[in-house]
PDB file of N, CA and C in Angstrom:
ATOM      1  N   MET A   1     -57.453 -23.356 -36.427  1.00  0.00           N
ATOM      2  CA  MET A   1     -56.754 -22.963 -35.230  1.00  0.00           C
ATOM      3  C   MET A   1     -55.804 -24.072 -34.862  1.00  0.00           C
ATOM      4  N   ALA A   2     -54.591 -23.773 -34.681  1.00  0.00           N
ATOM      5  CA  ALA A   2     -53.603 -24.770 -34.301  1.00  0.00           C
ATOM      6  C   ALA A   2     -53.447 -24.773 -32.803  1.00  0.00           C
ATOM      7  N   GLY A   3     -52.865 -25.847 -32.315  1.00  0.00           N
ATOM      8  CA  GLY A   3     -52.687 -25.956 -30.884  1.00  0.00           C
ATOM      9  C   GLY A   3     -51.682 -24.962 -30.332  1.00  0.00           C
ATOM     10  N   ASN A   4     -50.900 -24.291 -31.180  1.00  0.00           N
ATOM     11  CA  ASN A   4     -49.893 -23.364 -30.683  1.00  0.00           C
ATOM     12  C   ASN A   4     -50.374 -21.922 -30.702  1.00  0.00           C
ATOM     13  N   ASP A   5     -51.643 -21.667 -30.998  1.00  0.00           N
ATOM     14  CA  ASP A   5     -52.162 -20.307 -30.929  1.00  0.00           C
ATOM     15  C   ASP A   5     -52.071 -19.820 -29.494  1.00  0.00           C
ATOM     16  N   ALA A   6     -52.061 -18.526 -29.311  1.00  0.00           N
ATOM     17  CA  ALA A   6     -51.852 -17.927 -27.992  1.00  0.00           C
ATOM     18  C   ALA A   6     -52.805 -18.514 -26.964  1.00  0.00           C
ATOM     19  N   GLY A   7     -52.220 -19.164 -25.967  1.00  0.00           N
ATOM     20  CA  GLY A   7     -52.990 -19.664 -24.847  1.00  0.00           C
ATOM     21  C   GLY A   7     -53.723 -20.963 -25.097  1.00  0.00           C
ATOM     22  N   ASN A   8     -53.842 -21.395 -26.317  1.00  0.00           N
ATOM     23  CA  ASN A   8     -54.584 -22.613 -26.612  1.00  0.00           C
ATOM     24  C   ASN A   8     -53.648 -23.805 -26.597  1.00  0.00           C
ATOM     25  N   LYS A   9     -54.141 -24.901 -26.100  1.00  0.00           N
ATOM     26  CA  LYS A   9     -53.367 -26.126 -26.060  1.00  0.00           C
ATOM     27  C   LYS A   9     -54.133 -27.158 -26.861  1.00  0.00           C
ATOM     28  N   SER A  10     -53.414 -28.159 -27.344  1.00  0.00           N
ATOM     29  CA  SER A  10     -54.114 -29.256 -28.006  1.00  0.00           C
ATOM     30  C   SER A  10     -53.480 -30.553 -27.568  1.00  0.00           C
ATOM     31  N   ARG A  11     -54.284 -31.603 -27.657  1.00  0.00           N
ATOM     32  CA  ARG A  11     -53.762 -32.924 -27.366  1.00  0.00           C
ATOM     33  C   ARG A  11     -54.382 -33.888 -28.355  1.00  0.00           C
ATOM     34  N   SER A  12     -53.628 -34.911 -28.703  1.00  0.00           N
ATOM     35  CA  SER A  12     -54.101 -35.880 -29.679  1.00  0.00           C
ATOM     36  C   SER A  12     -54.916 -36.958 -28.990  1.00  0.00           C
ATOM     37  N   HIS A  13     -55.888 -37.476 -29.715  1.00  0.00           N
ATOM     38  CA  HIS A  13     -56.613 -38.661 -29.300  1.00  0.00           C
ATOM     39  C   HIS A  13     -56.919 -39.438 -30.564  1.00  0.00           C
ATOM     40  N   GLY A  14     -57.646 -40.517 -30.453  1.00  0.00           N
ATOM     41  CA  GLY A  14     -57.862 -41.418 -31.573  1.00  0.00           C
ATOM     42  C   GLY A  14     -58.496 -40.773 -32.785  1.00  0.00           C
ATOM     43  N   ARG A  15     -59.204 -39.667 -32.656  1.00  0.00           N
ATOM     44  CA  ARG A  15     -59.925 -39.085 -33.782  1.00  0.00           C
ATOM     45  C   ARG A  15     -59.407 -37.711 -34.150  1.00  0.00           C
ATOM     46  N   GLY A  16     -58.178 -37.416 -33.868  1.00  0.00           N
ATOM     47  CA  GLY A  16     -57.624 -36.105 -34.191  1.00  0.00           C
ATOM     48  C   GLY A  16     -57.147 -35.425 -32.934  1.00  0.00           C
ATOM     49  N   LYS A  17     -57.122 -34.101 -32.977  1.00  0.00           N
ATOM     50  CA  LYS A  17     -56.666 -33.343 -31.826  1.00  0.00           C
ATOM     51  C   LYS A  17     -57.842 -32.724 -31.102  1.00  0.00           C
ATOM     52  N   THR A  18     -57.702 -32.643 -29.799  1.00  0.00           N
ATOM     53  CA  THR A  18     -58.668 -31.922 -28.984  1.00  0.00           C
ATOM     54  C   THR A  18     -58.022 -30.606 -28.615  1.00  0.00           C
ATOM     55  N   VAL A  19     -58.648 -29.518 -28.970  1.00  0.00           N
ATOM     56  CA  VAL A  19     -58.143 -28.200 -28.633  1.00  0.00           C
ATOM     57  C   VAL A  19     -58.732 -27.800 -27.296  1.00  0.00           C
ATOM     58  N   VAL A  20     -57.892 -27.244 -26.432  1.00  0.00           N
ATOM     59  CA  VAL A  20     -58.328 -26.786 -25.117  1.00  0.00           C
ATOM     60  C   VAL A  20     -58.280 -25.263 -25.106  1.00  0.00           C
ATOM     61  N   MET A  21     -59.399 -24.640 -24.744  1.00  0.00           N
ATOM     62  CA  MET A  21     -59.490 -23.179 -24.671  1.00  0.00           C
ATOM     63  C   MET A  21     -60.057 -22.792 -23.313  1.00  0.00           C
ATOM     64  N   THR A  22     -59.691 -21.610 -22.866  1.00  0.00           N
ATOM     65  CA  THR A  22     -60.345 -21.076 -21.681  1.00  0.00           C
ATOM     66  C   THR A  22     -61.705 -20.540 -22.095  1.00  0.00           C
ATOM     67  N   SER A  23     -62.578 -20.350 -21.120  1.00  0.00           N
ATOM     68  CA  SER A  23     -63.899 -19.815 -21.450  1.00  0.00           C
ATOM     69  C   SER A  23     -63.784 -18.408 -22.040  1.00  0.00           C
ATOM     70  N   THR A  24     -62.809 -17.633 -21.576  1.00  0.00           N
ATOM     71  CA  THR A  24     -62.601 -16.286 -22.124  1.00  0.00           C
ATOM     72  C   THR A  24     -62.169 -16.357 -23.575  1.00  0.00           C
ATOM     73  N   GLU A  25     -61.228 -17.270 -23.890  1.00  0.00           N
ATOM     74  CA  GLU A  25     -60.783 -17.438 -25.272  1.00  0.00           C
ATOM     75  C   GLU A  25     -61.942 -17.869 -26.170  1.00  0.00           C
ATOM     76  N   ALA A  26     -62.773 -18.772 -25.678  1.00  0.00           N
ATOM     77  CA  ALA A  26     -63.911 -19.235 -26.469  1.00  0.00           C
ATOM     78  C   ALA A  26     -64.913 -18.109 -26.697  1.00  0.00           C
ATOM     79  N   GLN A  27     -65.138 -17.322 -25.662  1.00  0.00           N
ATOM     80  CA  GLN A  27     -66.099 -16.222 -25.763  1.00  0.00           C
ATOM     81  C   GLN A  27     -65.583 -15.124 -26.693  1.00  0.00           C
ATOM     82  N   ASN A  28     -64.339 -14.741 -26.513  1.00  0.00           N
ATOM     83  CA  ASN A  28     -63.783 -13.648 -27.307  1.00  0.00           C
ATOM     84  C   ASN A  28     -63.382 -14.068 -28.713  1.00  0.00           C
ATOM     85  N   GLY A  29     -63.163 -15.354 -28.904  1.00  0.00           N
ATOM     86  CA  GLY A  29     -62.741 -15.842 -30.220  1.00  0.00           C
ATOM     87  C   GLY A  29     -63.675 -16.922 -30.722  1.00  0.00           C
ATOM     88  N   PHE A  30     -64.970 -16.630 -30.716  1.00  0.00           N
ATOM     89  CA  PHE A  30     -65.970 -17.622 -31.102  1.00  0.00           C
ATOM     90  C   PHE A  30     -65.696 -18.192 -32.492  1.00  0.00           C
ATOM     91  N   GLY A  31     -65.353 -17.357 -33.431  1.00  0.00           N
ATOM     92  CA  GLY A  31     -65.043 -17.818 -34.786  1.00  0.00           C
ATOM     93  C   GLY A  31     -63.853 -18.751 -34.800  1.00  0.00           C
ATOM     94  N   ARG A  32     -62.807 -18.422 -34.035  1.00  0.00           N
ATOM     95  CA  ARG A  32     -61.634 -19.299 -33.950  1.00  0.00           C
ATOM     96  C   ARG A  32     -62.014 -20.635 -33.318  1.00  0.00           C
ATOM     97  N   MET A  33     -62.915 -20.606 -32.326  1.00  0.00           N
ATOM     98  CA  MET A  33     -63.357 -21.844 -31.695  1.00  0.00           C
ATOM     99  C   MET A  33     -64.094 -22.714 -32.721  1.00  0.00           C
ATOM    100  N   LEU A  34     -64.973 -22.105 -33.521  1.00  0.00           N
ATOM    101  CA  LEU A  34     -65.688 -22.873 -34.545  1.00  0.00           C
ATOM    102  C   LEU A  34     -64.723 -23.465 -35.568  1.00  0.00           C
ATOM    103  N   ASP A  35     -63.706 -22.693 -35.945  1.00  0.00           N
ATOM    104  CA  ASP A  35     -62.683 -23.216 -36.855  1.00  0.00           C
ATOM    105  C   ASP A  35     -61.960 -24.406 -36.236  1.00  0.00           C
ATOM    106  N   ALA A  36     -61.642 -24.299 -34.942  1.00  0.00           N
ATOM    107  CA  ALA A  36     -60.955 -25.399 -34.252  1.00  0.00           C
ATOM    108  C   ALA A  36     -61.828 -26.650 -34.226  1.00  0.00           C
ATOM    109  N   VAL A  37     -63.114 -26.476 -33.999  1.00  0.00           N
ATOM    110  CA  VAL A  37     -64.031 -27.620 -34.010  1.00  0.00           C
ATOM    111  C   VAL A  37     -64.080 -28.235 -35.400  1.00  0.00           C
ATOM    112  N   ALA A  38     -64.176 -27.395 -36.425  1.00  0.00           N
ATOM    113  CA  ALA A  38     -64.230 -27.891 -37.804  1.00  0.00           C
ATOM    114  C   ALA A  38     -62.952 -28.630 -38.169  1.00  0.00           C
ATOM    115  N   ASN A  39     -61.801 -28.130 -37.735  1.00  0.00           N
ATOM    116  CA  ASN A  39     -60.514 -28.738 -38.091  1.00  0.00           C
ATOM    117  C   ASN A  39     -60.151 -29.936 -37.232  1.00  0.00           C
ATOM    118  N   ASN A  40     -60.546 -29.915 -35.959  1.00  0.00           N
ATOM    119  CA  ASN A  40     -60.089 -30.931 -35.024  1.00  0.00           C
ATOM    120  C   ASN A  40     -61.204 -31.831 -34.500  1.00  0.00           C
ATOM    121  N   GLY A  41     -62.442 -31.390 -34.596  1.00  0.00           N
ATOM    122  CA  GLY A  41     -63.562 -32.210 -34.150  1.00  0.00           C
ATOM    123  C   GLY A  41     -64.029 -31.947 -32.736  1.00  0.00           C
ATOM    124  N   THR A  42     -63.119 -31.477 -31.869  1.00  0.00           N
ATOM    125  CA  THR A  42     -63.477 -31.292 -30.463  1.00  0.00           C
ATOM    126  C   THR A  42     -62.729 -30.111 -29.861  1.00  0.00           C
ATOM    127  N   VAL A  43     -63.436 -29.325 -29.062  1.00  0.00           N
ATOM    128  CA  VAL A  43     -62.820 -28.255 -28.270  1.00  0.00           C
ATOM    129  C   VAL A  43     -63.313 -28.402 -26.833  1.00  0.00           C
ATOM    130  N   LEU A  44     -62.371 -28.471 -25.912  1.00  0.00           N
ATOM    131  CA  LEU A  44     -62.707 -28.454 -24.489  1.00  0.00           C
ATOM    132  C   LEU A  44     -62.635 -27.016 -24.016  1.00  0.00           C
ATOM    133  N   ILE A  45     -63.648 -26.575 -23.301  1.00  0.00           N
ATOM    134  CA  ILE A  45     -63.655 -25.217 -22.766  1.00  0.00           C
ATOM    135  C   ILE A  45     -63.510 -25.311 -21.256  1.00  0.00           C
ATOM    136  N   LYS A  46     -62.454 -24.661 -20.755  1.00  0.00           N
ATOM    137  CA  LYS A  46     -62.151 -24.716 -19.328  1.00  0.00           C
ATOM    138  C   LYS A  46     -62.367 -23.362 -18.671  1.00  0.00           C
ATOM    139  N   LYS A  47     -62.813 -23.412 -17.442  1.00  0.00           N
ATOM    140  CA  LYS A  47     -62.937 -22.221 -16.619  1.00  0.00           C
ATOM    141  C   LYS A  47     -62.325 -22.561 -15.273  1.00  0.00           C
ATOM    142  N   HIS A  48     -61.371 -21.771 -14.854  1.00  0.00           N
ATOM    143  CA  HIS A  48     -60.637 -22.011 -13.613  1.00  0.00           C
ATOM    144  C   HIS A  48     -60.032 -23.413 -13.609  1.00  0.00           C
ATOM    145  N   ASN A  49     -59.472 -23.796 -14.750  1.00  0.00           N
ATOM    146  CA  ASN A  49     -58.770 -25.071 -14.918  1.00  0.00           C
ATOM    147  C   ASN A  49     -59.665 -26.310 -14.821  1.00  0.00           C
ATOM    148  N   VAL A  50     -60.970 -26.130 -14.911  1.00  0.00           N
ATOM    149  CA  VAL A  50     -61.911 -27.242 -14.876  1.00  0.00           C
ATOM    150  C   VAL A  50     -62.692 -27.247 -16.192  1.00  0.00           C
ATOM    151  N   THR A  51     -62.758 -28.405 -16.857  1.00  0.00           N
ATOM    152  CA  THR A  51     -63.515 -28.490 -18.104  1.00  0.00           C
ATOM    153  C   THR A  51     -64.987 -28.262 -17.800  1.00  0.00           C
ATOM    154  N   ARG A  52     -65.554 -27.240 -18.438  1.00  0.00           N
ATOM    155  CA  ARG A  52     -66.956 -26.884 -18.214  1.00  0.00           C
ATOM    156  C   ARG A  52     -67.840 -27.267 -19.392  1.00  0.00           C
ATOM    157  N   ALA A  53     -67.255 -27.398 -20.584  1.00  0.00           N
ATOM    158  CA  ALA A  53     -68.050 -27.731 -21.768  1.00  0.00           C
ATOM    159  C   ALA A  53     -67.156 -28.402 -22.800  1.00  0.00           C
ATOM    160  N   VAL A  54     -67.793 -29.167 -23.673  1.00  0.00           N
ATOM    161  CA  VAL A  54     -67.122 -29.786 -24.806  1.00  0.00           C
ATOM    162  C   VAL A  54     -67.928 -29.429 -26.043  1.00  0.00           C
ATOM    163  N   VAL A  55     -67.264 -28.870 -27.033  1.00  0.00           N
ATOM    164  CA  VAL A  55     -67.917 -28.525 -28.287  1.00  0.00           C
ATOM    165  C   VAL A  55     -67.425 -29.525 -29.322  1.00  0.00           C
ATOM    166  N   ILE A  56     -68.381 -30.179 -30.010  1.00  0.00           N
ATOM    167  CA  ILE A  56     -68.021 -31.161 -31.033  1.00  0.00           C
ATOM    168  C   ILE A  56     -68.579 -30.720 -32.374  1.00  0.00           C
ATOM    169  N   SER A  57     -68.005 -31.247 -33.432  1.00  0.00           N
ATOM    170  CA  SER A  57     -68.457 -30.897 -34.781  1.00  0.00           C
ATOM    171  C   SER A  57     -69.826 -31.504 -35.048  1.00  0.00           C
ATOM    172  N   ALA A  58     -70.523 -30.940 -36.014  1.00  0.00           N
ATOM    173  CA  ALA A  58     -71.839 -31.462 -36.395  1.00  0.00           C
ATOM    174  C   ALA A  58     -71.712 -32.898 -36.911  1.00  0.00           C
ATOM    175  N   ASP A  59     -70.646 -33.190 -37.648  1.00  0.00           N
ATOM    176  CA  ASP A  59     -70.441 -34.555 -38.150  1.00  0.00           C
ATOM    177  C   ASP A  59     -70.292 -35.549 -37.000  1.00  0.00           C
ATOM    178  N   ARG A  60     -69.509 -35.165 -36.005  1.00  0.00           N
ATOM    179  CA  ARG A  60     -69.309 -36.049 -34.841  1.00  0.00           C
ATOM    180  C   ARG A  60     -70.613 -36.228 -34.077  1.00  0.00           C
ATOM    181  N   TYR A  61     -71.377 -35.151 -33.923  1.00  0.00           N
ATOM    182  CA  TYR A  61     -72.661 -35.217 -33.231  1.00  0.00           C
ATOM    183  C   TYR A  61     -73.607 -36.176 -33.959  1.00  0.00           C
ATOM    184  N   GLU A  62     -73.697 -36.036 -35.281  1.00  0.00           N
ATOM    185  CA  GLU A  62     -74.579 -36.904 -36.051  1.00  0.00           C
ATOM    186  C   GLU A  62     -74.146 -38.357 -35.959  1.00  0.00           C
ATOM    187  N   ALA A  63     -72.842 -38.607 -35.981  1.00  0.00           N
ATOM    188  CA  ALA A  63     -72.344 -39.981 -35.855  1.00  0.00           C
ATOM    189  C   ALA A  63     -72.712 -40.557 -34.490  1.00  0.00           C
ATOM    190  N   LEU A  64     -72.572 -39.764 -33.448  1.00  0.00           N
ATOM    191  CA  LEU A  64     -72.912 -40.243 -32.107  1.00  0.00           C
ATOM    192  C   LEU A  64     -74.402 -40.517 -31.964  1.00  0.00           C
ATOM    193  N   THR A  65     -75.237 -39.658 -32.500  1.00  0.00           N
ATOM    194  CA  THR A  65     -76.675 -39.857 -32.361  1.00  0.00           C
ATOM    195  C   THR A  65     -77.173 -40.975 -33.257  1.00  0.00           C
ATOM    196  N   ARG A  66     -76.548 -41.182 -34.405  1.00  0.00           N
ATOM    197  CA  ARG A  66     -76.918 -42.304 -35.278  1.00  0.00           C
ATOM    198  C   ARG A  66     -76.599 -43.625 -34.615  1.00  0.00           C
ATOM    199  N   GLU A  67     -75.479 -43.695 -33.912  1.00  0.00           N
ATOM    200  CA  GLU A  67     -75.068 -44.939 -33.263  1.00  0.00           C
ATOM    201  C   GLU A  67     -76.062 -45.357 -32.191  1.00  0.00           C
ATOM    202  N   GLU A  68     -76.705 -44.403 -31.525  1.00  0.00           N
ATOM    203  CA  GLU A  68     -77.605 -44.733 -30.435  1.00  0.00           C
ATOM    204  C   GLU A  68     -79.006 -45.094 -30.919  1.00  0.00           C
ATOM    205  N   SER A  69     -79.403 -44.656 -32.099  1.00  0.00           N
ATOM    206  CA  SER A  69     -80.761 -44.896 -32.576  1.00  0.00           C
ATOM    207  C   SER A  69     -81.113 -46.375 -32.670  1.00  0.00           C
ATOM    208  N   PRO A  70     -80.274 -47.234 -33.244  1.00  0.00           N
ATOM    209  CA  PRO A  70     -80.651 -48.647 -33.296  1.00  0.00           C
ATOM    210  C   PRO A  70     -80.853 -49.239 -31.901  1.00  0.00           C
ATOM    211  N   ALA A  71     -80.015 -48.862 -30.949  1.00  0.00           N
ATOM    212  CA  ALA A  71     -80.163 -49.382 -29.592  1.00  0.00           C
ATOM    213  C   ALA A  71     -81.479 -48.906 -28.993  1.00  0.00           C
ATOM    214  N   LEU A  72     -81.826 -47.662 -29.219  1.00  0.00           N
ATOM    215  CA  LEU A  72     -83.072 -47.123 -28.702  1.00  0.00           C
ATOM    216  C   LEU A  72     -84.256 -47.783 -29.383  1.00  0.00           C
ATOM    217  N   ASP A  73     -84.179 -47.998 -30.689  1.00  0.00           N
ATOM    218  CA  ASP A  73     -85.247 -48.675 -31.418  1.00  0.00           C
ATOM    219  C   ASP A  73     -85.434 -50.102 -30.909  1.00  0.00           C
ATOM    220  N   ALA A  74     -84.330 -50.798 -30.656  1.00  0.00           N
ATOM    221  CA  ALA A  74     -84.407 -52.169 -30.145  1.00  0.00           C
ATOM    222  C   ALA A  74     -85.024 -52.186 -28.751  1.00  0.00           C
ATOM    223  N   LEU A  75     -84.643 -51.228 -27.926  1.00  0.00           N
ATOM    224  CA  LEU A  75     -85.199 -51.150 -26.580  1.00  0.00           C
ATOM    225  C   LEU A  75     -86.696 -50.862 -26.624  1.00  0.00           C
ATOM    226  N   ALA A  76     -87.123 -49.968 -27.500  1.00  0.00           N
ATOM    227  CA  ALA A  76     -88.552 -49.654 -27.640  1.00  0.00           C
ATOM    228  C   ALA A  76     -89.320 -50.883 -28.120  1.00  0.00           C
ATOM    229  N   ALA A  77     -88.761 -51.628 -29.057  1.00  0.00           N
ATOM    230  CA  ALA A  77     -89.419 -52.844 -29.547  1.00  0.00           C
ATOM    231  C   ALA A  77     -89.516 -53.890 -28.440  1.00  0.00           C
ATOM    232  N   GLU A  78     -88.467 -54.018 -27.649  1.00  0.00           N
ATOM    233  CA  GLU A  78     -88.476 -54.967 -26.530  1.00  0.00           C
ATOM    234  C   GLU A  78     -89.549 -54.580 -25.508  1.00  0.00           C
ATOM    235  N   PHE A  79     -89.656 -53.286 -25.239  1.00  0.00           N
ATOM    236  CA  PHE A  79     -90.674 -52.805 -24.304  1.00  0.00           C
ATOM    237  C   PHE A  79     -92.075 -53.102 -24.842  1.00  0.00           C
ATOM    238  N   ASP A  80     -92.305 -52.811 -26.126  1.00  0.00           N
ATOM    239  CA  ASP A  80     -93.613 -53.066 -26.728  1.00  0.00           C
ATOM    240  C   ASP A  80     -93.972 -54.543 -26.657  1.00  0.00           C
ATOM    241  N   ASP A  81     -92.990 -55.420 -26.912  1.00  0.00           N
ATOM    242  CA  ASP A  81     -93.216 -56.862 -26.836  1.00  0.00           C
ATOM    243  C   ASP A  81     -93.558 -57.286 -25.409  1.00  0.00           C
ATOM    244  N   MET A  82     -92.824 -56.751 -24.434  1.00  0.00           N
ATOM    245  CA  MET A  82     -93.084 -57.087 -23.039  1.00  0.00           C
ATOM    246  C   MET A  82     -94.472 -56.617 -22.621  1.00  0.00           C
ATOM    247  N   LEU A  83     -94.847 -55.435 -23.033  1.00  0.00           N
ATOM    248  CA  LEU A  83     -96.166 -54.905 -22.711  1.00  0.00           C
ATOM    249  C   LEU A  83     -97.261 -55.779 -23.315  1.00  0.00           C
ATOM    250  N   ALA A  84     -97.063 -56.220 -24.545  1.00  0.00           N
ATOM    251  CA  ALA A  84     -98.052 -57.094 -25.188  1.00  0.00           C
ATOM    252  C   ALA A  84     -98.177 -58.419 -24.434  1.00  0.00           C
ATOM    253  N   ARG A  85     -97.040 -58.984 -24.001  1.00  0.00           N
ATOM    254  CA  ARG A  85     -97.087 -60.233 -23.224  1.00  0.00           C
ATOM    255  C   ARG A  85     -97.808 -60.036 -21.902  1.00  0.00           C
ATOM    256  N   MET A  86     -97.624 -58.888 -21.283  1.00  0.00           N
ATOM    257  CA  MET A  86     -98.260 -58.623 -19.987  1.00  0.00           C
ATOM    258  C   MET A  86     -99.776 -58.458 -20.114  1.00  0.00           C
ATOM    259  N   GLN A  87    -100.248 -58.177 -21.322  1.00  0.00           N
ATOM    260  CA  GLN A  87    -101.672 -57.953 -21.511  1.00  0.00           C
ATOM    261  C   GLN A  87    -102.409 -59.190 -22.027  1.00  0.00           C
ATOM    262  N   ARG A  88    -101.730 -60.306 -22.169  1.00  0.00           N
ATOM    263  CA  ARG A  88    -102.370 -61.542 -22.601  1.00  0.00           C
ATOM    264  C   ARG A  88    -103.295 -62.052 -21.504  1.00  0.00           C
ATOM    265  N   PRO A  89    -104.328 -62.816 -21.899  1.00  0.00           N
ATOM    266  CA  PRO A  89    -105.181 -63.425 -20.872  1.00  0.00           C
ATOM    267  C   PRO A  89    -104.340 -64.325 -19.963  1.00  0.00           C
ATOM    268  N   GLY A  90    -104.587 -64.274 -18.721  1.00  0.00           N
ATOM    269  CA  GLY A  90    -103.866 -65.099 -17.761  1.00  0.00           C
ATOM    270  C   GLY A  90    -102.624 -64.442 -17.187  1.00  0.00           C
ATOM    271  N   ALA A  91    -102.171 -63.367 -17.791  1.00  0.00           N
ATOM    272  CA  ALA A  91    -100.958 -62.706 -17.291  1.00  0.00           C
ATOM    273  C   ALA A  91    -101.184 -62.144 -15.898  1.00  0.00           C
ATOM    274  N   ARG A  92    -102.367 -61.568 -15.672  1.00  0.00           N
ATOM    275  CA  ARG A  92    -102.663 -60.997 -14.356  1.00  0.00           C
ATOM    276  C   ARG A  92    -102.659 -62.084 -13.285  1.00  0.00           C
ATOM    277  N   SER A  93    -103.300 -63.216 -13.579  1.00  0.00           N
ATOM    278  CA  SER A  93    -103.334 -64.285 -12.567  1.00  0.00           C
ATOM    279  C   SER A  93    -101.944 -64.870 -12.345  1.00  0.00           C
ATOM    280  N   GLY A  94    -101.148 -64.947 -13.424  1.00  0.00           N
ATOM    281  CA  GLY A  94     -99.779 -65.434 -13.280  1.00  0.00           C
ATOM    282  C   GLY A  94     -98.935 -64.507 -12.419  1.00  0.00           C
ATOM    283  N   MET A  95     -99.084 -63.197 -12.619  1.00  0.00           N
ATOM    284  CA  MET A  95     -98.342 -62.234 -11.792  1.00  0.00           C
ATOM    285  C   MET A  95     -98.800 -62.308 -10.339  1.00  0.00           C
ATOM    286  N   GLN A  96    -100.096 -62.448 -10.132  1.00  0.00           N
ATOM    287  CA  GLN A  96    -100.607 -62.534  -8.770  1.00  0.00           C
ATOM    288  C   GLN A  96    -100.064 -63.780  -8.079  1.00  0.00           C
ATOM    289  N   ALA A  97    -100.006 -64.893  -8.812  1.00  0.00           N
ATOM    290  CA  ALA A  97     -99.451 -66.128  -8.254  1.00  0.00           C
ATOM    291  C   ALA A  97     -97.984 -65.935  -7.884  1.00  0.00           C
ATOM    292  N   ALA A  98     -97.232 -65.209  -8.714  1.00  0.00           N
ATOM    293  CA  ALA A  98     -95.819 -64.958  -8.412  1.00  0.00           C
ATOM    294  C   ALA A  98     -95.681 -64.094  -7.165  1.00  0.00           C
ATOM    295  N   PHE A  99     -96.533 -63.076  -7.034  1.00  0.00           N
ATOM    296  CA  PHE A  99     -96.469 -62.222  -5.837  1.00  0.00           C
ATOM    297  C   PHE A  99     -96.864 -62.985  -4.581  1.00  0.00           C
ATOM    298  N   ASP A 100     -97.767 -63.952  -4.714  1.00  0.00           N
ATOM    299  CA  ASP A 100     -98.237 -64.715  -3.555  1.00  0.00           C
ATOM    300  C   ASP A 100     -97.318 -65.884  -3.209  1.00  0.00           C
ATOM    301  N   ALA A 101     -96.399 -66.239  -4.089  1.00  0.00           N
ATOM    302  CA  ALA A 101     -95.548 -67.410  -3.893  1.00  0.00           C
ATOM    303  C   ALA A 101     -94.526 -67.175  -2.786  1.00  0.00           C
ATOM    304  N   SER A 102     -94.164 -68.246  -2.131  1.00  0.00           N
ATOM    305  CA  SER A 102     -93.138 -68.188  -1.080  1.00  0.00           C
ATOM    306  C   SER A 102     -91.761 -68.079  -1.739  1.00  0.00           C
ATOM    307  N   PRO A 103     -90.758 -67.658  -0.994  1.00  0.00           N
ATOM    308  CA  PRO A 103     -89.399 -67.600  -1.551  1.00  0.00           C
ATOM    309  C   PRO A 103     -88.920 -68.959  -2.058  1.00  0.00           C
ATOM    310  N   ASP A 104     -89.290 -70.039  -1.377  1.00  0.00           N
ATOM    311  CA  ASP A 104     -88.861 -71.371  -1.815  1.00  0.00           C
ATOM    312  C   ASP A 104     -89.480 -71.742  -3.165  1.00  0.00           C
ATOM    313  N   VAL A 105     -90.754 -71.409  -3.344  1.00  0.00           N
ATOM    314  CA  VAL A 105     -91.425 -71.699  -4.606  1.00  0.00           C
ATOM    315  C   VAL A 105     -90.793 -70.872  -5.731  1.00  0.00           C
ATOM    316  N   LEU A 106     -90.506 -69.587  -5.474  1.00  0.00           N
ATOM    317  CA  LEU A 106     -89.860 -68.737  -6.477  1.00  0.00           C
ATOM    318  C   LEU A 106     -88.477 -69.261  -6.840  1.00  0.00           C
ATOM    319  N   ALA A 107     -87.727 -69.696  -5.836  1.00  0.00           N
ATOM    320  CA  ALA A 107     -86.388 -70.228  -6.089  1.00  0.00           C
ATOM    321  C   ALA A 107     -86.460 -71.473  -6.958  1.00  0.00           C
ATOM    322  N   SER A 108     -87.388 -72.374  -6.648  1.00  0.00           N
ATOM    323  CA  SER A 108     -87.543 -73.592  -7.448  1.00  0.00           C
ATOM    324  C   SER A 108     -87.926 -73.266  -8.889  1.00  0.00           C
ATOM    325  N   ALA A 109     -88.822 -72.299  -9.053  1.00  0.00           N
ATOM    326  CA  ALA A 109     -89.233 -71.902 -10.396  1.00  0.00           C
ATOM    327  C   ALA A 109     -88.067 -71.285 -11.166  1.00  0.00           C
ATOM    328  N   ALA A 110     -87.263 -70.499 -10.495  1.00  0.00           N
ATOM    329  CA  ALA A 110     -86.096 -69.879 -11.151  1.00  0.00           C
ATOM    330  C   ALA A 110     -85.096 -70.932 -11.592  1.00  0.00           C
ATOM    331  N   VAL A 111     -84.833 -71.929 -10.737  1.00  0.00           N
ATOM    332  CA  VAL A 111     -83.902 -73.000 -11.084  1.00  0.00           C
ATOM    333  C   VAL A 111     -84.443 -73.797 -12.263  1.00  0.00           C
ATOM    334  N   ALA A 112     -85.740 -74.105 -12.237  1.00  0.00           N
ATOM    335  CA  ALA A 112     -86.336 -74.871 -13.333  1.00  0.00           C
ATOM    336  C   ALA A 112     -86.257 -74.099 -14.645  1.00  0.00           C
ATOM    337  N   ALA A 113     -86.499 -72.791 -14.599  1.00  0.00           N
ATOM    338  CA  ALA A 113     -86.416 -71.978 -15.813  1.00  0.00           C
ATOM    339  C   ALA A 113     -84.984 -71.933 -16.338  1.00  0.00           C
ATOM    340  N   ALA A 114     -84.012 -71.836 -15.438  1.00  0.00           N
ATOM    341  CA  ALA A 114     -82.610 -71.808 -15.847  1.00  0.00           C
ATOM    342  C   ALA A 114     -82.201 -73.131 -16.469  1.00  0.00           C
ATOM    343  N   MET A 115     -82.705 -74.208 -15.935  1.00  0.00           N
ATOM    344  CA  MET A 115     -82.375 -75.540 -16.467  1.00  0.00           C
ATOM    345  C   MET A 115     -82.980 -75.716 -17.865  1.00  0.00           C
ATOM    346  N   ARG A 116     -84.201 -75.190 -18.057  1.00  0.00           N
ATOM    347  CA  ARG A 116     -84.826 -75.298 -19.381  1.00  0.00           C
ATOM    348  C   ARG A 116     -84.027 -74.512 -20.405  1.00  0.00           C
ATOM    349  N   ARG A 117     -83.533 -73.330 -20.031  1.00  0.00           N
ATOM    350  CA  ARG A 117     -82.742 -72.517 -20.967  1.00  0.00           C
ATOM    351  C   ARG A 117     -81.403 -73.155 -21.279  1.00  0.00           C
ATOM    352  N   ALA A 118     -80.795 -73.763 -20.266  1.00  0.00           N
ATOM    353  CA  ALA A 118     -79.468 -74.370 -20.445  1.00  0.00           C
ATOM    354  C   ALA A 118     -79.553 -75.680 -21.224  1.00  0.00           C
ATOM    355  N   GLY A 119     -80.677 -76.369 -21.097  1.00  0.00           N
ATOM    356  CA  GLY A 119     -80.787 -77.714 -21.670  1.00  0.00           C
ATOM    357  C   GLY A 119     -81.238 -77.733 -23.041  1.00  0.00           C
TER     358      GLY A 119
END
């Protein structure tokens, strides 16, 4: 589907063209919409001049979801590590001491920790 098909508009972006269709065009021309996604990667579907949906190709979807997996895996590993540290002996008493500490004591501890990291 080219951008000059009846009623359809297209605009370029870094990864090809984005085809813009009305919801009626998408509904009545589902096959043409799929062709546009396959050829261009993205179709914006508008209703009453407002973008209501974005249809992307399977390749683009897989690329987007692959990119997020390492970040999610790293976050899960960080969470598991933090949970393990929280379950060490003495962690409960350390947390209780932090909750019982005055703002001045917490501030001093924060400054000391920052100095250790910087030094």
